[in-house]
N, C-alpha and C. Protein backbone atom coordinates (compact mmCIF):
# COMPACT_ATOMS: atom_id res chain seq x y z
N MET A 1 50.27 64.06 126.73
CA MET A 1 50.29 62.62 127.04
C MET A 1 50.03 61.85 125.56
N ARG A 2 50.77 60.87 125.11
CA ARG A 2 50.40 60.56 123.82
C ARG A 2 49.45 59.09 124.01
N THR A 3 48.84 58.94 122.54
CA THR A 3 47.48 57.87 122.92
C THR A 3 48.53 56.68 122.82
N MET A 4 48.26 55.53 123.39
CA MET A 4 48.28 54.31 122.70
C MET A 4 48.81 53.72 121.78
N THR A 5 48.02 54.22 120.82
CA THR A 5 48.24 53.92 119.83
C THR A 5 49.23 54.70 118.81
N GLU A 6 49.89 55.13 119.22
CA GLU A 6 51.66 55.54 118.76
C GLU A 6 52.65 55.09 118.99
N LYS A 7 52.23 54.46 120.29
CA LYS A 7 53.40 53.78 120.78
C LYS A 7 53.48 52.97 119.92
N PHE A 8 52.37 51.81 119.78
CA PHE A 8 52.34 50.66 118.78
C PHE A 8 51.13 50.47 117.87
N LYS A 9 51.47 49.36 117.71
CA LYS A 9 50.29 49.23 116.12
C LYS A 9 50.03 47.49 116.16
N ILE A 10 48.54 47.09 116.26
CA ILE A 10 48.59 45.83 115.96
C ILE A 10 48.22 45.59 114.64
N LEU A 11 49.54 44.31 114.14
CA LEU A 11 49.35 44.38 113.04
C LEU A 11 48.25 43.23 112.55
N THR A 12 48.21 42.01 113.23
CA THR A 12 47.41 41.16 113.22
C THR A 12 47.42 40.24 114.22
N SER A 13 46.22 39.00 114.65
CA SER A 13 46.22 38.97 115.89
C SER A 13 45.67 37.56 115.01
N TYR A 14 45.63 35.90 116.51
CA TYR A 14 44.98 34.87 115.70
C TYR A 14 45.03 34.05 116.68
N ILE A 15 44.70 32.82 116.82
CA ILE A 15 44.69 31.66 117.70
C ILE A 15 46.25 31.17 117.18
N LYS A 16 47.01 30.89 117.64
CA LYS A 16 48.47 29.96 117.48
C LYS A 16 47.98 28.51 118.38
N ASP A 17 47.05 28.61 119.61
CA ASP A 17 46.97 27.45 120.07
C ASP A 17 45.71 26.71 120.39
N LEU A 18 45.12 25.81 120.40
CA LEU A 18 43.52 25.81 120.94
C LEU A 18 43.24 24.06 121.48
N SER A 19 43.31 24.42 122.69
CA SER A 19 42.92 22.74 123.26
C SER A 19 42.20 22.56 124.03
N SER A 20 41.09 21.44 123.44
CA SER A 20 40.57 21.04 124.67
C SER A 20 40.61 19.67 124.78
N GLU A 21 40.34 19.16 125.84
CA GLU A 21 40.91 17.70 126.24
C GLU A 21 39.96 17.30 127.75
N THR A 22 39.18 16.30 126.98
CA THR A 22 38.54 15.26 127.88
C THR A 22 38.79 14.31 127.99
N PRO A 23 39.21 13.10 128.41
CA PRO A 23 39.69 11.65 127.72
C PRO A 23 38.59 10.98 127.93
N ASN A 24 36.64 11.00 128.71
CA ASN A 24 35.93 10.38 128.07
C ASN A 24 34.90 10.64 129.04
N VAL A 25 33.62 10.07 128.54
CA VAL A 25 32.61 10.52 129.18
C VAL A 25 32.58 11.09 130.63
N GLU A 26 33.12 9.37 131.40
CA GLU A 26 32.93 9.82 133.03
C GLU A 26 32.86 10.80 133.10
N THR A 27 34.74 11.44 132.77
CA THR A 27 35.17 12.49 133.10
C THR A 27 34.35 13.65 132.94
N PHE A 28 33.76 13.74 131.33
CA PHE A 28 32.95 15.17 130.89
C PHE A 28 32.03 15.47 131.72
N ILE A 29 31.07 13.67 132.05
CA ILE A 29 29.91 13.85 133.37
C ILE A 29 30.35 14.81 134.44
N PHE A 30 31.84 14.14 135.10
CA PHE A 30 32.23 14.60 136.26
C PHE A 30 32.96 16.06 136.30
N VAL A 31 33.44 16.88 135.23
CA VAL A 31 33.89 18.29 134.82
C VAL A 31 32.47 19.05 134.38
N GLN A 32 31.41 18.68 134.22
CA GLN A 32 30.24 19.67 134.31
C GLN A 32 29.88 19.53 134.96
N GLU A 33 29.97 18.79 136.34
CA GLU A 33 29.25 19.35 137.44
C GLU A 33 30.34 19.67 138.29
N ASN A 34 31.28 19.81 138.35
CA ASN A 34 32.75 20.55 138.95
C ASN A 34 33.47 21.66 138.37
N ILE A 35 32.08 21.99 136.98
CA ILE A 35 33.21 23.14 136.21
C ILE A 35 33.63 24.47 137.33
N ASN A 36 32.92 24.59 138.25
CA ASN A 36 32.86 25.70 138.84
C ASN A 36 34.13 25.87 139.53
N LYS A 37 34.77 24.49 139.86
CA LYS A 37 36.14 25.02 140.65
C LYS A 37 37.36 24.63 139.71
N TYR A 38 37.04 25.53 138.23
CA TYR A 38 37.98 25.68 137.76
C TYR A 38 38.64 26.73 137.66
N GLN A 39 39.72 27.04 137.80
CA GLN A 39 40.21 28.17 137.53
C GLN A 39 40.73 28.48 136.12
N LEU A 40 40.63 30.23 135.85
CA LEU A 40 41.44 30.34 135.08
C LEU A 40 42.79 31.22 135.40
N ASN A 41 43.70 30.98 134.43
CA ASN A 41 45.01 31.50 134.77
C ASN A 41 45.33 31.95 133.14
N ILE A 42 46.02 33.22 133.28
CA ILE A 42 46.95 34.12 132.53
C ILE A 42 48.04 34.08 132.12
N ASP A 43 48.85 33.88 131.46
CA ASP A 43 50.46 34.06 131.02
C ASP A 43 50.08 34.62 129.62
N ILE A 44 51.74 35.54 129.98
CA ILE A 44 51.65 36.85 128.40
C ILE A 44 53.50 36.76 128.33
N ASN A 45 53.53 36.27 126.80
CA ASN A 45 55.32 35.88 127.16
C ASN A 45 55.60 36.73 125.76
N SER A 46 56.64 36.84 125.70
CA SER A 46 57.13 37.95 123.89
C SER A 46 58.01 37.64 123.37
N LYS A 47 58.06 37.72 122.62
CA LYS A 47 59.12 37.38 121.87
C LYS A 47 59.16 38.49 120.37
N ALA A 48 61.36 38.75 120.14
CA ALA A 48 60.90 40.07 119.56
C ALA A 48 61.04 39.23 117.87
N LEU A 49 60.41 40.04 117.15
CA LEU A 49 60.40 39.80 115.54
C LEU A 49 61.27 40.52 115.04
N LYS A 50 61.25 40.39 113.71
CA LYS A 50 62.52 41.46 113.18
C LYS A 50 62.15 42.88 111.92
N ASN A 51 62.34 43.79 112.40
CA ASN A 51 62.12 44.89 111.58
C ASN A 51 60.72 45.83 112.63
N LYS A 52 61.06 45.80 113.76
CA LYS A 52 60.71 46.54 115.17
C LYS A 52 59.30 45.72 115.40
N MET A 53 59.87 44.45 115.19
CA MET A 53 57.57 44.36 114.96
C MET A 53 58.13 42.96 117.15
N ILE A 54 57.34 42.46 117.66
CA ILE A 54 56.83 42.22 118.58
C ILE A 54 55.66 41.20 118.47
N GLU A 55 56.02 39.28 119.07
CA GLU A 55 54.75 39.03 118.56
C GLU A 55 55.09 38.58 120.55
N VAL A 56 53.17 38.76 120.42
CA VAL A 56 53.17 38.62 122.14
C VAL A 56 51.92 37.62 121.57
N ASN A 57 52.50 36.74 123.17
CA ASN A 57 51.43 35.28 123.40
C ASN A 57 50.68 35.69 124.23
N THR A 58 49.12 35.48 124.59
CA THR A 58 48.57 35.93 125.40
C THR A 58 47.72 34.38 125.57
N THR A 59 48.20 33.77 126.66
CA THR A 59 48.08 32.44 126.90
C THR A 59 46.38 32.56 128.33
N LEU A 60 45.23 31.52 127.36
CA LEU A 60 44.14 31.21 129.05
C LEU A 60 44.38 29.61 128.99
N LYS A 61 44.32 29.47 130.92
CA LYS A 61 44.27 28.19 130.70
C LYS A 61 43.72 28.09 131.92
N PHE A 62 42.23 27.22 131.36
CA PHE A 62 41.05 26.78 132.36
C PHE A 62 41.41 25.33 132.91
N GLU A 63 41.63 25.43 134.37
CA GLU A 63 41.68 23.92 134.62
C GLU A 63 41.15 23.46 136.40
N ASP A 64 41.15 22.34 136.42
CA ASP A 64 41.36 22.04 137.97
C ASP A 64 42.29 21.59 139.16
N LYS A 65 42.38 22.76 139.85
CA LYS A 65 43.85 22.85 140.36
C LYS A 65 44.13 21.42 141.42
N GLU A 66 42.65 21.26 141.84
CA GLU A 66 42.50 19.84 142.91
C GLU A 66 43.07 18.80 142.23
N PRO A 67 43.05 17.79 142.85
CA PRO A 67 43.97 16.55 142.22
C PRO A 67 43.03 15.51 142.70
N ASN A 68 42.34 15.73 141.21
CA ASN A 68 40.88 14.92 140.78
C ASN A 68 41.48 13.73 140.13
N GLU A 69 40.97 12.54 139.92
CA GLU A 69 41.27 11.65 138.65
C GLU A 69 41.00 12.43 137.58
N LYS A 70 39.47 12.52 137.18
CA LYS A 70 38.79 13.43 136.92
C LYS A 70 39.15 14.76 136.30
N LYS A 71 39.77 14.91 135.15
CA LYS A 71 40.16 16.70 135.17
C LYS A 71 40.03 16.41 133.47
N SER A 72 39.28 17.88 132.83
CA SER A 72 39.49 18.32 131.32
C SER A 72 40.51 19.26 131.69
N TYR A 73 40.77 19.75 130.56
CA TYR A 73 42.21 20.82 130.54
C TYR A 73 41.98 21.39 129.17
N TYR A 74 41.86 23.49 129.00
CA TYR A 74 41.78 23.78 128.27
C TYR A 74 41.90 24.74 128.15
N GLU A 75 43.40 25.33 126.64
CA GLU A 75 43.80 26.41 126.80
C GLU A 75 43.62 26.86 125.50
N ILE A 76 43.62 28.07 126.10
CA ILE A 76 44.24 29.16 123.75
C ILE A 76 45.26 29.92 124.20
N VAL A 77 46.03 29.82 123.17
CA VAL A 77 47.22 30.39 123.09
C VAL A 77 46.83 31.76 121.89
N TYR A 78 46.26 33.03 122.06
CA TYR A 78 46.22 34.35 121.22
C TYR A 78 47.50 35.00 120.67
N SER A 79 47.48 35.65 119.74
CA SER A 79 49.03 35.26 119.35
C SER A 79 48.61 36.64 118.75
N THR A 80 49.64 37.69 119.07
CA THR A 80 49.23 39.37 118.48
C THR A 80 50.84 39.85 117.77
N VAL A 81 50.51 40.02 116.79
CA VAL A 81 52.09 40.99 116.34
C VAL A 81 51.47 42.21 115.95
N VAL A 82 52.87 42.97 117.07
CA VAL A 82 52.37 44.38 117.17
C VAL A 82 54.14 45.22 116.31
N SER A 83 53.82 46.38 115.63
CA SER A 83 54.63 47.60 115.73
C SER A 83 55.23 48.23 116.59
N LEU A 84 56.40 48.55 116.78
CA LEU A 84 56.42 49.25 118.03
C LEU A 84 57.18 50.60 117.29
N ASN A 85 56.93 52.06 118.10
CA ASN A 85 57.51 53.10 117.37
C ASN A 85 58.20 52.82 118.37
N ASP A 86 59.89 53.94 117.22
CA ASP A 86 61.51 54.03 117.44
C ASP A 86 60.93 54.56 118.93
N ASP A 87 60.24 55.76 119.77
CA ASP A 87 61.17 55.95 121.26
C ASP A 87 60.54 55.04 122.41
N VAL A 88 59.93 54.07 121.79
CA VAL A 88 59.39 53.06 122.86
C VAL A 88 60.17 51.57 123.28
N ARG A 89 61.28 51.42 121.74
CA ARG A 89 61.84 50.25 121.27
C ARG A 89 63.05 50.27 122.46
N ASN A 90 63.65 51.41 123.00
CA ASN A 90 64.50 50.74 123.45
C ASN A 90 64.30 51.57 125.59
N ASP A 91 62.91 51.90 125.72
CA ASP A 91 62.35 51.94 126.82
C ASP A 91 61.84 50.87 127.56
N LYS A 92 62.98 50.20 128.19
CA LYS A 92 62.35 48.81 129.07
C LYS A 92 60.75 48.97 129.57
N ASN A 93 60.70 49.88 130.78
CA ASN A 93 59.24 49.80 131.34
C ASN A 93 58.35 50.58 130.13
N GLU A 94 58.68 51.02 129.05
CA GLU A 94 57.14 51.24 128.01
C GLU A 94 57.06 49.37 127.43
N LEU A 95 58.23 49.48 127.43
CA LEU A 95 57.84 48.15 126.46
C LEU A 95 57.32 47.09 127.30
N GLN A 96 57.97 46.95 128.80
CA GLN A 96 56.66 45.51 129.50
C GLN A 96 55.25 46.23 129.52
N LYS A 97 55.31 47.61 129.44
CA LYS A 97 53.81 47.69 129.72
C LYS A 97 52.93 47.85 128.66
N ILE A 98 53.82 47.75 127.28
CA ILE A 98 52.77 47.78 126.15
C ILE A 98 52.46 45.97 125.89
N ILE A 99 53.73 45.49 126.63
CA ILE A 99 53.13 43.57 126.38
C ILE A 99 52.42 43.10 127.12
N LEU A 100 52.49 43.61 128.59
CA LEU A 100 51.91 42.85 129.42
C LEU A 100 49.95 43.83 129.52
N CYS A 101 50.28 44.76 129.49
CA CYS A 101 49.29 45.53 129.27
C CYS A 101 48.31 45.97 128.35
N ASP A 102 48.70 46.78 127.41
CA ASP A 102 48.27 47.25 126.51
C ASP A 102 47.66 46.46 125.40
N VAL A 103 48.76 45.84 124.71
CA VAL A 103 48.45 44.74 123.76
C VAL A 103 47.30 43.32 124.83
N PRO A 104 47.47 42.96 125.82
CA PRO A 104 46.34 41.98 126.44
C PRO A 104 45.18 42.69 126.13
N THR A 105 44.76 44.43 126.95
CA THR A 105 44.08 44.55 127.11
C THR A 105 42.76 45.02 125.44
N ALA A 106 43.85 45.66 124.55
CA ALA A 106 43.27 45.49 123.39
C ALA A 106 42.98 44.19 122.61
N ILE A 107 43.34 43.24 122.99
CA ILE A 107 43.02 42.25 122.04
C ILE A 107 41.78 41.06 122.80
N TYR A 108 41.69 41.22 124.60
CA TYR A 108 41.12 40.82 125.61
C TYR A 108 39.45 40.05 124.97
N PRO A 109 38.55 41.75 124.07
CA PRO A 109 37.22 40.96 123.91
C PRO A 109 37.86 39.54 122.94
N ASN A 110 38.17 39.67 122.22
CA ASN A 110 38.14 38.49 120.49
C ASN A 110 38.80 36.98 121.75
N LEU A 111 39.94 37.82 122.35
CA LEU A 111 40.41 36.14 123.22
C LEU A 111 39.23 35.93 123.76
N GLU A 112 38.78 36.62 124.79
CA GLU A 112 37.45 36.07 125.48
C GLU A 112 36.41 35.30 124.65
N LYS A 113 35.85 35.95 123.69
CA LYS A 113 34.97 35.19 122.86
C LYS A 113 35.53 33.73 122.15
N ALA A 114 36.36 33.75 122.21
CA ALA A 114 37.00 32.56 121.36
C ALA A 114 37.31 31.24 122.47
N PHE A 115 37.63 31.72 123.88
CA PHE A 115 38.17 31.21 124.55
C PHE A 115 36.52 30.57 125.01
N LEU A 116 35.59 31.15 125.25
CA LEU A 116 34.25 31.33 125.55
C LEU A 116 33.87 30.11 124.37
N ASN A 117 33.58 30.54 123.04
CA ASN A 117 32.99 29.63 122.34
C ASN A 117 34.14 27.77 122.29
N LEU A 118 35.33 28.32 122.86
CA LEU A 118 36.07 26.77 123.13
C LEU A 118 35.04 25.74 123.41
N MET A 119 35.14 26.63 125.28
CA MET A 119 34.22 26.42 126.21
C MET A 119 32.48 25.37 126.41
N HIS A 120 31.79 26.33 124.95
CA HIS A 120 30.73 25.92 124.70
C HIS A 120 30.47 25.00 123.63
N ASP A 121 31.43 25.33 122.69
CA ASP A 121 31.78 23.73 121.98
C ASP A 121 32.28 22.65 122.65
N SER A 122 32.87 22.90 123.85
CA SER A 122 33.18 21.96 124.77
C SER A 122 32.22 20.72 125.21
N GLY A 123 30.67 21.51 125.02
CA GLY A 123 29.99 21.00 126.03
C GLY A 123 29.93 21.94 127.14
N HIS A 124 30.55 22.95 127.59
CA HIS A 124 29.76 23.49 128.82
C HIS A 124 29.01 24.95 127.77
N PRO A 125 27.89 24.81 127.64
CA PRO A 125 27.28 25.66 126.86
C PRO A 125 26.45 27.44 128.28
N ASN A 126 26.90 26.66 128.98
CA ASN A 126 26.60 27.74 129.90
C ASN A 126 27.46 29.14 130.49
N LEU A 127 28.89 28.50 130.80
CA LEU A 127 30.02 28.69 131.29
C LEU A 127 30.31 30.26 130.95
N LYS A 128 30.08 31.10 131.80
CA LYS A 128 30.57 32.95 131.70
C LYS A 128 32.14 32.71 132.65
N LEU A 129 32.35 34.24 132.36
CA LEU A 129 33.47 34.35 133.09
C LEU A 129 33.24 35.27 134.10
N ASP A 130 33.56 35.36 135.13
CA ASP A 130 32.86 36.29 136.44
C ASP A 130 33.01 37.68 136.23
N LYS A 131 34.36 37.98 135.37
CA LYS A 131 34.61 39.06 135.73
C LYS A 131 35.90 39.40 134.57
N LYS A 132 35.67 40.52 134.02
CA LYS A 132 36.88 40.96 132.90
C LYS A 132 37.98 40.75 133.74
N ILE A 133 39.33 40.76 132.77
CA ILE A 133 40.68 40.80 133.70
C ILE A 133 41.17 42.07 132.81
N ASP A 134 41.26 42.59 134.41
CA ASP A 134 42.13 44.14 134.12
C ASP A 134 43.46 43.91 134.24
N PHE A 135 44.48 43.91 133.30
CA PHE A 135 45.68 43.67 132.83
C PHE A 135 46.23 45.04 133.69
N ASN A 136 45.38 46.25 133.66
CA ASN A 136 46.14 47.16 134.14
C ASN A 136 46.34 47.17 135.60
N LYS A 137 45.92 46.69 136.34
CA LYS A 137 45.82 46.38 137.96
C LYS A 137 46.50 44.88 137.75
N LEU A 138 46.81 44.09 137.45
CA LEU A 138 47.03 42.49 137.12
C LEU A 138 49.23 43.58 137.03
N TYR A 139 49.25 44.37 136.44
CA TYR A 139 50.36 45.05 135.78
C TYR A 139 51.12 45.95 136.88
N ASN A 140 50.14 47.07 137.57
CA ASN A 140 50.67 47.73 138.33
C ASN A 140 50.50 47.09 139.55
N ASP A 141 50.03 45.83 139.97
CA ASP A 141 50.17 45.05 141.38
C ASP A 141 51.26 44.48 141.07
N ARG A 142 51.80 43.92 140.33
CA ARG A 142 53.53 43.07 140.22
C ARG A 142 54.49 44.50 140.05
N PHE A 143 54.29 45.27 139.13
CA PHE A 143 55.54 46.41 139.22
C PHE A 143 55.50 47.81 140.10
N ASN A 144 54.31 47.68 140.79
CA ASN A 144 54.71 49.11 141.93
C ASN A 144 54.02 48.72 143.25
């Protein structure tokens, strides 16, 4: 079995977009008291680039699903550029696993740190994420 690093290589990763929206102080106070109701959502999409490269965008959204008047919105889009090995470029299943599982798993520690910095700097210094995101499990649940 080949190692993950032979199939693709991360060339660079960076914060593509960062958003913290709280319209006013009343909302801020309300959100501080209700931040435990907020849910973390993940979205991953990709775009083919030239020269056997792919851009993988992993988005974390942290939002209140309740129909409250007062809500904040937090989002981070973390972009990763990877180069692919020749033999995986035409293997749709292998590509899918790299994009939805392997790349997000590799960059997640940096993404989580950036996201928590955003939340802490947005006035929620005690916020922690309950558990690490298991991209392998998400991938397997979706495709198996």
